[in-house]
Protein backbone atom coordinates (compact mmCIF):
# COMPACT_ATOMS: atom_id res chain seq x y z
CA UNK A 1 211.48 175.15 -43.34
CA UNK A 2 214.47 172.55 -44.13
CA UNK A 3 212.72 169.68 -43.01
CA UNK A 4 209.81 170.71 -45.03
CA UNK A 5 211.95 170.99 -48.18
CA UNK A 6 213.86 167.69 -47.41
CA UNK A 7 210.63 166.00 -46.86
CA UNK A 8 209.38 166.92 -50.34
CA UNK A 9 212.57 165.78 -52.01
CA UNK A 10 212.32 162.57 -50.05
CA UNK A 11 208.55 161.80 -51.31
CA UNK A 12 209.60 163.04 -54.88
CA UNK A 13 212.74 160.52 -54.88
CA UNK A 14 210.69 157.70 -53.25
CA UNK A 15 208.19 158.10 -55.87
CA UNK A 16 210.34 157.93 -58.77
CA UNK A 17 212.12 154.86 -57.34
CA UNK A 18 208.67 153.28 -57.02
CA UNK A 19 207.57 154.19 -60.76
CA UNK A 20 210.94 152.72 -61.81
CA UNK A 21 210.40 149.65 -60.09
CA UNK A 22 207.00 149.23 -61.52
CA UNK A 23 208.32 150.00 -64.95
CA UNK A 24 210.77 147.27 -64.78
CA UNK A 25 208.50 144.86 -63.41
CA UNK A 26 206.00 145.61 -66.16
CA UNK A 27 208.67 145.17 -69.04
CA UNK A 28 209.61 141.82 -67.58
CA UNK A 29 206.29 140.72 -67.59
CA UNK A 30 206.06 141.63 -71.62
CA UNK A 31 209.52 139.87 -72.47
CA UNK A 32 209.48 137.03 -74.83
CA UNK A 33 210.50 133.70 -73.00
CA UNK A 34 212.01 132.01 -76.00
CA UNK A 35 215.89 131.99 -76.52
CA UNK A 36 217.08 133.61 -79.50
CA UNK A 37 213.71 135.69 -80.11
CA UNK A 38 214.00 139.20 -79.68
CA UNK A 39 212.60 140.59 -76.40
CA UNK A 40 210.00 142.82 -77.26
CA UNK A 41 207.58 143.37 -80.29
CA UNK A 42 205.68 146.48 -81.13
CA UNK A 43 202.98 145.64 -83.66
CA UNK A 44 201.44 148.40 -85.79
CA UNK A 45 198.35 147.58 -87.82
CA UNK A 46 198.37 149.55 -91.37
CA UNK A 47 195.36 149.55 -93.37
CA UNK A 48 194.40 151.78 -96.50
CA UNK A 49 196.59 154.58 -97.47
CA UNK A 50 198.61 156.29 -94.84
CA UNK A 51 200.80 159.58 -95.89
CA UNK A 52 202.95 159.57 -92.65
CA UNK A 53 203.82 155.99 -92.48
CA UNK A 54 207.80 157.12 -92.64
CA UNK A 55 207.33 159.46 -89.53
CA UNK A 56 205.40 157.08 -87.63
CA UNK A 57 207.77 153.99 -88.04
CA UNK A 58 210.62 156.22 -87.60
CA UNK A 59 209.07 157.89 -84.45
CA UNK A 60 208.40 154.28 -82.93
CA UNK A 61 211.84 153.30 -83.83
CA UNK A 62 213.46 155.95 -81.90
CA UNK A 63 210.94 156.02 -79.05
CA UNK A 64 211.79 152.20 -78.49
CA UNK A 65 215.45 152.94 -78.29
CA UNK A 66 215.11 156.08 -76.20
CA UNK A 67 213.04 153.86 -73.71
CA UNK A 68 215.57 151.43 -73.39
CA UNK A 69 214.17 148.25 -75.33
CA UNK A 70 217.58 147.01 -76.75
CA UNK A 71 215.82 143.94 -78.69
CA UNK A 72 212.65 145.30 -80.19
CA UNK A 73 211.38 144.45 -83.51
CA UNK A 74 208.69 146.80 -85.11
CA UNK A 75 206.27 144.79 -87.03
CA UNK A 76 204.09 146.48 -89.66
CA UNK A 77 201.05 144.37 -90.07
CA UNK A 78 199.16 144.49 -93.36
CA UNK A 79 195.56 144.92 -92.64
CA UNK A 80 194.69 146.02 -96.07
CA UNK A 81 197.28 148.64 -97.01
CA UNK A 82 197.44 149.76 -100.50
CA UNK A 83 200.11 149.53 -103.14
CA UNK A 84 201.88 152.72 -102.39
CA UNK A 85 201.88 152.38 -98.63
CA UNK A 86 202.91 148.84 -99.23
CA UNK A 87 206.05 150.08 -101.26
CA UNK A 88 206.92 152.75 -98.56
CA UNK A 89 206.72 149.98 -96.07
CA UNK A 90 208.93 147.69 -97.88
CA UNK A 91 211.77 150.69 -98.42
CA UNK A 92 211.67 151.59 -94.58
CA UNK A 93 212.18 147.69 -93.70
CA UNK A 94 214.83 147.30 -96.08
CA UNK A 95 216.78 150.36 -94.57
CA UNK A 96 215.92 149.34 -90.90
CA UNK A 97 216.63 145.55 -90.05
CA UNK A 98 214.88 146.11 -86.69
CA UNK A 99 211.57 146.87 -88.57
CA UNK A 100 209.68 143.78 -90.22
CA UNK A 101 206.56 143.76 -92.54
CA UNK A 102 204.26 140.84 -92.81
CA UNK A 103 201.68 140.21 -95.15
CA UNK A 104 198.59 139.34 -93.10
CA UNK A 105 197.98 139.50 -89.25
CA UNK A 106 197.76 135.69 -89.17
CA UNK A 107 201.54 135.61 -89.72
CA UNK A 108 202.55 137.53 -86.57
CA UNK A 109 202.83 134.22 -84.74
CA UNK A 110 205.23 132.86 -86.89
CA UNK A 111 207.20 135.82 -87.13
CA UNK A 112 207.48 135.90 -83.16
CA UNK A 113 208.54 132.43 -83.11
CA UNK A 114 206.86 131.83 -79.92
CA UNK A 115 203.43 130.59 -81.08
CA UNK A 116 201.84 128.06 -81.77
CA UNK A 117 204.26 126.33 -79.15
CA UNK A 118 204.84 122.76 -80.15
CA UNK A 119 204.14 119.89 -77.52
């Protein structure tokens, strides 16, 4: 019976280790390769009126910190948001330096600094 229980623990810990390695590999693939640029960007497209924008941006920020993303920018992409939502996003972004807001989705490349790459 003890061999069976120890086998279950062995399989559980081996699975957790493999999942951890896959997670680290996946995060390594998502990293920006430009010096001086934050490692990760989370882009949230916002259009129209959103009542829960404060909660959503705060939740994403806290989840990124809890997941171990140390250098993370949360980009709130303006895809046609109304004036009230834009005002709320502006207030949130002023209080959180790790959160950015851009006017158009076309500006995402210039914010990231990675594209277009200069030859």
